[in-house]
PDB file of all heavy atoms in Angstrom:
ATOM      1  N   ASP A   1      93.032 112.911  97.196  1.00  0.00           N
ATOM      2  CA  ASP A   1      93.596 111.933  98.122  1.00  0.00           C
ATOM      3  C   ASP A   1      93.209 110.507  97.731  1.00  0.00           C
ATOM      4  O   ASP A   1      92.107 110.043  98.028  1.00  0.00           O
ATOM      5  CB  ASP A   1      93.108 112.242  99.536  1.00  0.00           C
ATOM      6  CG  ASP A   1      93.808 111.408 100.593  1.00  0.00           C
ATOM      7  OD1 ASP A   1      94.798 110.735 100.261  1.00  0.00           O
ATOM      8  OD2 ASP A   1      93.352 111.428 101.756  1.00  0.00           O
ATOM      9  N   ASP A   2      94.074 109.844  96.984  1.00  0.00           N
ATOM     10  CA  ASP A   2      93.955 108.408  96.707  1.00  0.00           C
ATOM     11  C   ASP A   2      92.636 108.051  96.014  1.00  0.00           C
ATOM     12  O   ASP A   2      91.860 107.214  96.483  1.00  0.00           O
ATOM     13  CB  ASP A   2      94.090 107.613  98.014  1.00  0.00           C
ATOM     14  CG  ASP A   2      94.340 106.126  97.756  1.00  0.00           C
ATOM     15  OD1 ASP A   2      94.873 105.792  96.691  1.00  0.00           O
ATOM     16  OD2 ASP A   2      93.972 105.309  98.616  1.00  0.00           O
ATOM     17  N   ILE A   3      92.409 108.659  94.854  1.00  0.00           N
ATOM     18  CA  ILE A   3      91.196 108.378  94.086  1.00  0.00           C
ATOM     19  C   ILE A   3      91.431 107.233  93.103  1.00  0.00           C
ATOM     20  O   ILE A   3      92.415 107.232  92.357  1.00  0.00           O
ATOM     21  CB  ILE A   3      90.728 109.638  93.314  1.00  0.00           C
ATOM     22  CG1 ILE A   3      90.018 110.593  94.279  1.00  0.00           C
ATOM     23  CG2 ILE A   3      89.818 109.277  92.151  1.00  0.00           C
ATOM     24  CD1 ILE A   3      89.541 111.868  93.630  1.00  0.00           C
ATOM     25  N   THR A   4      90.525 106.275  93.104  1.00  0.00           N
ATOM     26  CA  THR A   4      90.530 105.197  92.115  1.00  0.00           C
ATOM     27  C   THR A   4      89.156 105.167  91.446  1.00  0.00           C
ATOM     28  O   THR A   4      88.128 105.116  92.131  1.00  0.00           O
ATOM     29  CB  THR A   4      90.834 103.838  92.777  1.00  0.00           C
ATOM     30  OG1 THR A   4      92.174 103.864  93.302  1.00  0.00           O
ATOM     31  CG2 THR A   4      90.721 102.708  91.765  1.00  0.00           C
ATOM     32  N   LEU A   5      89.166 105.223  90.123  1.00  0.00           N
ATOM     33  CA  LEU A   5      87.925 105.413  89.381  1.00  0.00           C
ATOM     34  C   LEU A   5      88.085 104.913  87.956  1.00  0.00           C
ATOM     35  O   LEU A   5      89.133 105.116  87.331  1.00  0.00           O
ATOM     36  CB  LEU A   5      87.575 106.914  89.368  1.00  0.00           C
ATOM     37  CG  LEU A   5      86.497 107.426  88.425  1.00  0.00           C
ATOM     38  CD1 LEU A   5      85.135 106.888  88.850  1.00  0.00           C
ATOM     39  CD2 LEU A   5      86.491 108.957  88.432  1.00  0.00           C
ATOM     40  N   THR A   6      87.051 104.250  87.417  1.00  0.00           N
ATOM     41  CA  THR A   6      87.046 103.794  86.025  1.00  0.00           C
ATOM     42  C   THR A   6      85.896 104.439  85.272  1.00  0.00           C
ATOM     43  O   THR A   6      84.754 104.458  85.759  1.00  0.00           O
ATOM     44  CB  THR A   6      86.910 102.257  85.948  1.00  0.00           C
ATOM     45  OG1 THR A   6      88.056 101.661  86.552  1.00  0.00           O
ATOM     46  CG2 THR A   6      86.828 101.791  84.496  1.00  0.00           C
ATOM     47  N   ILE A   7      86.196 104.958  84.085  1.00  0.00           N
ATOM     48  CA  ILE A   7      85.191 105.558  83.208  1.00  0.00           C
ATOM     49  C   ILE A   7      85.146 104.738  81.924  1.00  0.00           C
ATOM     50  O   ILE A   7      86.183 104.477  81.307  1.00  0.00           O
ATOM     51  CB  ILE A   7      85.531 107.032  82.909  1.00  0.00           C
ATOM     52  CG1 ILE A   7      85.487 107.840  84.217  1.00  0.00           C
ATOM     53  CG2 ILE A   7      84.560 107.614  81.885  1.00  0.00           C
ATOM     54  CD1 ILE A   7      86.155 109.174  84.143  1.00  0.00           C
ATOM     55  N   ASN A   8      83.968 104.314  81.538  1.00  0.00           N
ATOM     56  CA  ASN A   8      83.811 103.408  80.410  1.00  0.00           C
ATOM     57  C   ASN A   8      83.807 104.142  79.072  1.00  0.00           C
ATOM     58  O   ASN A   8      83.462 105.325  79.000  1.00  0.00           O
ATOM     59  CB  ASN A   8      82.512 102.612  80.554  1.00  0.00           C
ATOM     60  CG  ASN A   8      82.468 101.813  81.837  1.00  0.00           C
ATOM     61  OD1 ASN A   8      83.456 101.191  82.227  1.00  0.00           O
ATOM     62  ND2 ASN A   8      81.329 101.824  82.519  1.00  0.00           N
ATOM     63  N   LYS A   9      84.159 103.446  78.030  1.00  0.00           N
ATOM     64  CA  LYS A   9      84.181 104.007  76.681  1.00  0.00           C
ATOM     65  C   LYS A   9      82.774 104.449  76.271  1.00  0.00           C
ATOM     66  O   LYS A   9      81.798 103.731  76.465  1.00  0.00           O
ATOM     67  CB  LYS A   9      84.701 102.974  75.684  1.00  0.00           C
ATOM     68  CG  LYS A   9      84.858 103.503  74.258  1.00  0.00           C
ATOM     69  CD  LYS A   9      85.477 102.463  73.359  1.00  0.00           C
ATOM     70  CE  LYS A   9      85.580 102.955  71.920  1.00  0.00           C
ATOM     71  NZ  LYS A   9      86.451 104.147  71.799  1.00  0.00           N
ATOM     72  N   GLY A  10      82.670 105.663  75.727  1.00  0.00           N
ATOM     73  CA  GLY A  10      81.395 106.194  75.265  1.00  0.00           C
ATOM     74  C   GLY A  10      80.497 106.730  76.353  1.00  0.00           C
ATOM     75  O   GLY A  10      79.373 107.173  76.092  1.00  0.00           O
ATOM     76  N   GLU A  11      80.976 106.754  77.581  1.00  0.00           N
ATOM     77  CA  GLU A  11      80.164 107.167  78.723  1.00  0.00           C
ATOM     78  C   GLU A  11      80.161 108.684  78.878  1.00  0.00           C
ATOM     79  O   GLU A  11      81.142 109.361  78.597  1.00  0.00           O
ATOM     80  CB  GLU A  11      80.725 106.517  79.988  1.00  0.00           C
ATOM     81  CG  GLU A  11      79.808 106.549  81.182  1.00  0.00           C
ATOM     82  CD  GLU A  11      80.299 105.659  82.314  1.00  0.00           C
ATOM     83  OE1 GLU A  11      81.517 105.457  82.457  1.00  0.00           O
ATOM     84  OE2 GLU A  11      79.453 105.153  83.070  1.00  0.00           O
ATOM     85  N   PHE A  12      79.015 109.215  79.309  1.00  0.00           N
ATOM     86  CA  PHE A  12      78.941 110.618  79.730  1.00  0.00           C
ATOM     87  C   PHE A  12      79.053 110.591  81.246  1.00  0.00           C
ATOM     88  O   PHE A  12      78.105 110.258  81.951  1.00  0.00           O
ATOM     89  CB  PHE A  12      77.622 111.252  79.296  1.00  0.00           C
ATOM     90  CG  PHE A  12      77.641 112.761  79.339  1.00  0.00           C
ATOM     91  CD1 PHE A  12      77.496 113.512  78.181  1.00  0.00           C
ATOM     92  CD2 PHE A  12      77.813 113.438  80.534  1.00  0.00           C
ATOM     93  CE1 PHE A  12      77.524 114.901  78.213  1.00  0.00           C
ATOM     94  CE2 PHE A  12      77.840 114.825  80.587  1.00  0.00           C
ATOM     95  CZ  PHE A  12      77.689 115.560  79.418  1.00  0.00           C
ATOM     96  N   PHE A  13      80.233 110.935  81.739  1.00  0.00           N
ATOM     97  CA  PHE A  13      80.556 110.802  83.154  1.00  0.00           C
ATOM     98  C   PHE A  13      80.769 112.188  83.755  1.00  0.00           C
ATOM     99  O   PHE A  13      81.503 113.008  83.193  1.00  0.00           O
ATOM    100  CB  PHE A  13      81.817 109.966  83.330  1.00  0.00           C
ATOM    101  CG  PHE A  13      82.012 109.453  84.735  1.00  0.00           C
ATOM    102  CD1 PHE A  13      81.674 108.147  85.062  1.00  0.00           C
ATOM    103  CD2 PHE A  13      82.533 110.274  85.734  1.00  0.00           C
ATOM    104  CE1 PHE A  13      81.843 107.672  86.362  1.00  0.00           C
ATOM    105  CE2 PHE A  13      82.701 109.818  87.023  1.00  0.00           C
ATOM    106  CZ  PHE A  13      82.363 108.498  87.337  1.00  0.00           C
ATOM    107  N   THR A  14      80.137 112.442  84.892  1.00  0.00           N
ATOM    108  CA  THR A  14      80.197 113.771  85.503  1.00  0.00           C
ATOM    109  C   THR A  14      80.905 113.745  86.848  1.00  0.00           C
ATOM    110  O   THR A  14      80.651 112.872  87.683  1.00  0.00           O
ATOM    111  CB  THR A  14      78.782 114.347  85.683  1.00  0.00           C
ATOM    112  OG1 THR A  14      78.188 114.529  84.398  1.00  0.00           O
ATOM    113  CG2 THR A  14      78.814 115.688  86.400  1.00  0.00           C
ATOM    114  N   PHE A  15      81.797 114.727  87.043  1.00  0.00           N
ATOM    115  CA  PHE A  15      82.390 115.012  88.345  1.00  0.00           C
ATOM    116  C   PHE A  15      81.540 116.115  88.973  1.00  0.00           C
ATOM    117  O   PHE A  15      81.500 117.233  88.466  1.00  0.00           O
ATOM    118  CB  PHE A  15      83.830 115.503  88.213  1.00  0.00           C
ATOM    119  CG  PHE A  15      84.807 114.472  87.708  1.00  0.00           C
ATOM    120  CD1 PHE A  15      86.073 114.872  87.289  1.00  0.00           C
ATOM    121  CD2 PHE A  15      84.484 113.137  87.644  1.00  0.00           C
ATOM    122  CE1 PHE A  15      86.992 113.938  86.829  1.00  0.00           C
ATOM    123  CE2 PHE A  15      85.389 112.196  87.183  1.00  0.00           C
ATOM    124  CZ  PHE A  15      86.648 112.598  86.774  1.00  0.00           C
ATOM    125  N   LEU A  16      80.869 115.804  90.068  1.00  0.00           N
ATOM    126  CA  LEU A  16      79.948 116.738  90.712  1.00  0.00           C
ATOM    127  C   LEU A  16      80.408 117.036  92.129  1.00  0.00           C
ATOM    128  O   LEU A  16      80.818 116.130  92.858  1.00  0.00           O
ATOM    129  CB  LEU A  16      78.543 116.134  90.739  1.00  0.00           C
ATOM    130  CG  LEU A  16      77.468 116.881  91.531  1.00  0.00           C
ATOM    131  CD1 LEU A  16      77.149 118.223  90.887  1.00  0.00           C
ATOM    132  CD2 LEU A  16      76.196 116.026  91.640  1.00  0.00           C
ATOM    133  N   GLY A  17      80.324 118.305  92.510  1.00  0.00           N
ATOM    134  CA  GLY A  17      80.667 118.662  93.885  1.00  0.00           C
ATOM    135  C   GLY A  17      80.759 120.163  94.051  1.00  0.00           C
ATOM    136  O   GLY A  17      80.735 120.919  93.078  1.00  0.00           O
ATOM    137  N   PRO A  18      80.881 120.631  95.292  1.00  0.00           N
ATOM    138  CA  PRO A  18      80.988 122.068  95.550  1.00  0.00           C
ATOM    139  C   PRO A  18      82.345 122.612  95.120  1.00  0.00           C
ATOM    140  O   PRO A  18      83.268 121.851  94.791  1.00  0.00           O
ATOM    141  CB  PRO A  18      80.819 122.154  97.076  1.00  0.00           C
ATOM    142  CG  PRO A  18      81.314 120.828  97.575  1.00  0.00           C
ATOM    143  CD  PRO A  18      80.929 119.828  96.530  1.00  0.00           C
ATOM    144  N   SER A  19      82.478 123.916  95.105  1.00  0.00           N
ATOM    145  CA  SER A  19      83.748 124.553  94.742  1.00  0.00           C
ATOM    146  C   SER A  19      84.858 124.088  95.683  1.00  0.00           C
ATOM    147  O   SER A  19      84.655 123.973  96.900  1.00  0.00           O
ATOM    148  CB  SER A  19      83.616 126.078  94.834  1.00  0.00           C
ATOM    149  OG  SER A  19      82.657 126.548  93.912  1.00  0.00           O
ATOM    150  N   GLY A  20      86.024 123.795  95.102  1.00  0.00           N
ATOM    151  CA  GLY A  20      87.178 123.413  95.896  1.00  0.00           C
ATOM    152  C   GLY A  20      87.212 121.967  96.330  1.00  0.00           C
ATOM    153  O   GLY A  20      88.042 121.589  97.159  1.00  0.00           O
ATOM    154  N   CYS A  21      86.331 121.134  95.750  1.00  0.00           N
ATOM    155  CA  CYS A  21      86.258 119.730  96.204  1.00  0.00           C
ATOM    156  C   CYS A  21      87.243 118.825  95.476  1.00  0.00           C
ATOM    157  O   CYS A  21      87.453 117.684  95.878  1.00  0.00           O
ATOM    158  CB  CYS A  21      84.844 119.198  96.032  1.00  0.00           C
ATOM    159  SG  CYS A  21      84.329 119.035  94.315  1.00  0.00           S
ATOM    160  N   GLY A  22      87.844 119.294  94.359  1.00  0.00           N
ATOM    161  CA  GLY A  22      88.829 118.492  93.646  1.00  0.00           C
ATOM    162  C   GLY A  22      88.407 117.993  92.279  1.00  0.00           C
ATOM    163  O   GLY A  22      89.176 117.341  91.580  1.00  0.00           O
ATOM    164  N   LYS A  23      87.193 118.320  91.856  1.00  0.00           N
ATOM    165  CA  LYS A  23      86.693 117.784  90.581  1.00  0.00           C
ATOM    166  C   LYS A  23      87.462 118.345  89.380  1.00  0.00           C
ATOM    167  O   LYS A  23      87.864 117.587  88.483  1.00  0.00           O
ATOM    168  CB  LYS A  23      85.190 118.030  90.435  1.00  0.00           C
ATOM    169  CG  LYS A  23      84.748 119.483  90.572  1.00  0.00           C
ATOM    170  CD  LYS A  23      83.231 119.587  90.648  1.00  0.00           C
ATOM    171  CE  LYS A  23      82.773 121.045  90.599  1.00  0.00           C
ATOM    172  NZ  LYS A  23      83.232 121.814  91.787  1.00  0.00           N
ATOM    173  N   THR A  24      87.694 119.656  89.347  1.00  0.00           N
ATOM    174  CA  THR A  24      88.444 120.251  88.236  1.00  0.00           C
ATOM    175  C   THR A  24      89.907 119.840  88.298  1.00  0.00           C
ATOM    176  O   THR A  24      90.550 119.607  87.259  1.00  0.00           O
ATOM    177  CB  THR A  24      88.320 121.789  88.259  1.00  0.00           C
ATOM    178  OG1 THR A  24      86.956 122.144  88.004  1.00  0.00           O
ATOM    179  CG2 THR A  24      89.204 122.422  87.198  1.00  0.00           C
ATOM    180  N   THR A  25      90.453 119.715  89.492  1.00  0.00           N
ATOM    181  CA  THR A  25      91.841 119.270  89.645  1.00  0.00           C
ATOM    182  C   THR A  25      92.026 117.880  89.041  1.00  0.00           C
ATOM    183  O   THR A  25      93.013 117.623  88.337  1.00  0.00           O
ATOM    184  CB  THR A  25      92.219 119.244  91.140  1.00  0.00           C
ATOM    185  OG1 THR A  25      92.094 120.564  91.678  1.00  0.00           O
ATOM    186  CG2 THR A  25      93.643 118.750  91.339  1.00  0.00           C
ATOM    187  N   THR A  26      91.083 116.989  89.277  1.00  0.00           N
ATOM    188  CA  THR A  26      91.158 115.644  88.703  1.00  0.00           C
ATOM    189  C   THR A  26      91.086 115.690  87.186  1.00  0.00           C
ATOM    190  O   THR A  26      91.826 114.983  86.489  1.00  0.00           O
ATOM    191  CB  THR A  26      90.008 114.763  89.258  1.00  0.00           C
ATOM    192  OG1 THR A  26      90.076 114.763  90.688  1.00  0.00           O
ATOM    193  CG2 THR A  26      90.113 113.342  88.749  1.00  0.00           C
ATOM    194  N   LEU A  27      90.200 116.535  86.660  1.00  0.00           N
ATOM    195  CA  LEU A  27      90.076 116.690  85.210  1.00  0.00           C
ATOM    196  C   LEU A  27      91.370 117.227  84.605  1.00  0.00           C
ATOM    197  O   LEU A  27      91.838 116.748  83.563  1.00  0.00           O
ATOM    198  CB  LEU A  27      88.919 117.638  84.886  1.00  0.00           C
ATOM    199  CG  LEU A  27      88.527 117.727  83.411  1.00  0.00           C
ATOM    200  CD1 LEU A  27      87.670 116.534  83.030  1.00  0.00           C
ATOM    201  CD2 LEU A  27      87.765 119.021  83.120  1.00  0.00           C
ATOM    202  N   ARG A  28      91.964 118.210  85.251  1.00  0.00           N
ATOM    203  CA  ARG A  28      93.198 118.812  84.740  1.00  0.00           C
ATOM    204  C   ARG A  28      94.360 117.808  84.764  1.00  0.00           C
ATOM    205  O   ARG A  28      95.242 117.850  83.908  1.00  0.00           O
ATOM    206  CB  ARG A  28      93.551 120.053  85.559  1.00  0.00           C
ATOM    207  CG  ARG A  28      92.603 121.226  85.298  1.00  0.00           C
ATOM    208  CD  ARG A  28      92.844 122.378  86.261  1.00  0.00           C
ATOM    209  NE  ARG A  28      94.153 122.982  86.055  1.00  0.00           N
ATOM    210  CZ  ARG A  28      94.425 123.911  85.150  1.00  0.00           C
ATOM    211  NH1 ARG A  28      93.460 124.362  84.365  1.00  0.00           N
ATOM    212  NH2 ARG A  28      95.633 124.409  85.031  1.00  0.00           N
ATOM    213  N   ALA A  29      94.337 116.897  85.723  1.00  0.00           N
ATOM    214  CA  ALA A  29      95.365 115.856  85.756  1.00  0.00           C
ATOM    215  C   ALA A  29      95.203 114.910  84.569  1.00  0.00           C
ATOM    216  O   ALA A  29      96.191 114.461  83.970  1.00  0.00           O
ATOM    217  CB  ALA A  29      95.285 115.079  87.064  1.00  0.00           C
ATOM    218  N   LEU A  30      93.964 114.611  84.205  1.00  0.00           N
ATOM    219  CA  LEU A  30      93.708 113.749  83.046  1.00  0.00           C
ATOM    220  C   LEU A  30      94.185 114.413  81.760  1.00  0.00           C
ATOM    221  O   LEU A  30      94.830 113.775  80.928  1.00  0.00           O
ATOM    222  CB  LEU A  30      92.209 113.438  82.947  1.00  0.00           C
ATOM    223  CG  LEU A  30      91.760 112.727  81.669  1.00  0.00           C
ATOM    224  CD1 LEU A  30      92.360 111.333  81.573  1.00  0.00           C
ATOM    225  CD2 LEU A  30      90.228 112.659  81.599  1.00  0.00           C
ATOM    226  N   VAL A  31      93.878 115.699  81.614  1.00  0.00           N
ATOM    227  CA  VAL A  31      94.265 116.423  80.402  1.00  0.00           C
ATOM    228  C   VAL A  31      95.779 116.577  80.317  1.00  0.00           C
ATOM    229  O   VAL A  31      96.353 116.605  79.229  1.00  0.00           O
ATOM    230  CB  VAL A  31      93.568 117.793  80.357  1.00  0.00           C
ATOM    231  CG1 VAL A  31      94.028 118.604  79.140  1.00  0.00           C
ATOM    232  CG2 VAL A  31      92.052 117.618  80.321  1.00  0.00           C
ATOM    233  N   GLY A  32      96.443 116.662  81.480  1.00  0.00           N
ATOM    234  CA  GLY A  32      97.893 116.794  81.495  1.00  0.00           C
ATOM    235  C   GLY A  32      98.383 118.134  81.998  1.00  0.00           C
ATOM    236  O   GLY A  32      99.584 118.424  81.948  1.00  0.00           O
ATOM    237  N   PHE A  33      97.476 118.967  82.492  1.00  0.00           N
ATOM    238  CA  PHE A  33      97.868 120.284  83.001  1.00  0.00           C
ATOM    239  C   PHE A  33      98.508 120.188  84.386  1.00  0.00           C
ATOM    240  O   PHE A  33      99.177 121.124  84.827  1.00  0.00           O
ATOM    241  CB  PHE A  33      96.655 121.216  83.087  1.00  0.00           C
ATOM    242  CG  PHE A  33      96.033 121.541  81.751  1.00  0.00           C
ATOM    243  CD1 PHE A  33      94.685 121.836  81.647  1.00  0.00           C
ATOM    244  CD2 PHE A  33      96.795 121.556  80.595  1.00  0.00           C
ATOM    245  CE1 PHE A  33      94.105 122.144  80.430  1.00  0.00           C
ATOM    246  CE2 PHE A  33      96.230 121.863  79.365  1.00  0.00           C
ATOM    247  CZ  PHE A  33      94.884 122.150  79.285  1.00  0.00           C
ATOM    248  N   LEU A  34      98.277 119.078  85.083  1.00  0.00           N
ATOM    249  CA  LEU A  34      98.840 118.866  86.419  1.00  0.00           C
ATOM    250  C   LEU A  34      99.540 117.517  86.466  1.00  0.00           C
ATOM    251  O   LEU A  34      99.100 116.563  85.838  1.00  0.00           O
ATOM    252  CB  LEU A  34      97.727 118.884  87.475  1.00  0.00           C
ATOM    253  CG  LEU A  34      96.973 120.192  87.718  1.00  0.00           C
ATOM    254  CD1 LEU A  34      95.827 119.948  88.695  1.00  0.00           C
ATOM    255  CD2 LEU A  34      97.899 121.271  88.247  1.00  0.00           C
ATOM    256  N   SER A  35     100.611 117.459  87.240  1.00  0.00           N
ATOM    257  CA  SER A  35     101.325 116.198  87.429  1.00  0.00           C
ATOM    258  C   SER A  35     100.977 115.629  88.798  1.00  0.00           C
ATOM    259  O   SER A  35     101.140 116.318  89.819  1.00  0.00           O
ATOM    260  CB  SER A  35     102.840 116.423  87.334  1.00  0.00           C
ATOM    261  OG  SER A  35     103.195 116.868  86.044  1.00  0.00           O
ATOM    262  N   PRO A  36     100.479 114.408  88.856  1.00  0.00           N
ATOM    263  CA  PRO A  36     100.115 113.809  90.148  1.00  0.00           C
ATOM    264  C   PRO A  36     101.331 113.602  91.048  1.00  0.00           C
ATOM    265  O   PRO A  36     102.444 113.369  90.572  1.00  0.00           O
ATOM    266  CB  PRO A  36      99.505 112.463  89.747  1.00  0.00           C
ATOM    267  CG  PRO A  36      99.161 112.582  88.302  1.00  0.00           C
ATOM    268  CD  PRO A  36     100.164 113.517  87.725  1.00  0.00           C
ATOM    269  N   ALA A  37     101.088 113.681  92.349  1.00  0.00           N
ATOM    270  CA  ALA A  37     102.134 113.359  93.319  1.00  0.00           C
ATOM    271  C   ALA A  37     102.244 111.857  93.498  1.00  0.00           C
ATOM    272  O   ALA A  37     103.269 111.346  93.959  1.00  0.00           O
ATOM    273  CB  ALA A  37     101.824 114.024  94.657  1.00  0.00           C
ATOM    274  N   GLY A  38     101.180 111.147  93.116  1.00  0.00           N
ATOM    275  CA  GLY A  38     101.189 109.693  93.221  1.00  0.00           C
ATOM    276  C   GLY A  38     100.066 109.100  92.405  1.00  0.00           C
ATOM    277  O   GLY A  38      99.112 109.781  92.031  1.00  0.00           O
ATOM    278  N   GLY A  39     100.181 107.817  92.085  1.00  0.00           N
ATOM    279  CA  GLY A  39      99.153 107.141  91.314  1.00  0.00           C
ATOM    280  C   GLY A  39      99.372 107.271  89.817  1.00  0.00           C
ATOM    281  O   GLY A  39     100.316 107.926  89.358  1.00  0.00           O
ATOM    282  N   THR A  40      98.490 106.652  89.058  1.00  0.00           N
ATOM    283  CA  THR A  40      98.609 106.664  87.597  1.00  0.00           C
ATOM    284  C   THR A  40      97.253 106.921  86.951  1.00  0.00           C
ATOM    285  O   THR A  40      96.204 106.714  87.551  1.00  0.00           O
ATOM    286  CB  THR A  40      99.153 105.318  87.070  1.00  0.00           C
ATOM    287  OG1 THR A  40      98.272 104.266  87.523  1.00  0.00           O
ATOM    288  CG2 THR A  40     100.557 105.051  87.552  1.00  0.00           C
ATOM    289  N   ILE A  41      97.324 107.379  85.692  1.00  0.00           N
ATOM    290  CA  ILE A  41      96.137 107.550  84.851  1.00  0.00           C
ATOM    291  C   ILE A  41      96.382 106.761  83.577  1.00  0.00           C
ATOM    292  O   ILE A  41      97.399 106.956  82.905  1.00  0.00           O
ATOM    293  CB  ILE A  41      95.880 109.031  84.510  1.00  0.00           C
ATOM    294  CG1 ILE A  41      95.735 109.873  85.789  1.00  0.00           C
ATOM    295  CG2 ILE A  41      94.619 109.168  83.657  1.00  0.00           C
ATOM    296  CD1 ILE A  41      95.683 111.366  85.540  1.00  0.00           C
TER     297      ILE A  41
END
């Protein structure tokens, strides 16, 4: 739901949270396995 986030070049950045919180879904959208309903990457 309406995530805005910047990850810097060379950074080790972690998505942390319990199961079902959206962390893997966000990663899959970056890779291209999912198409967002809104927003841009």
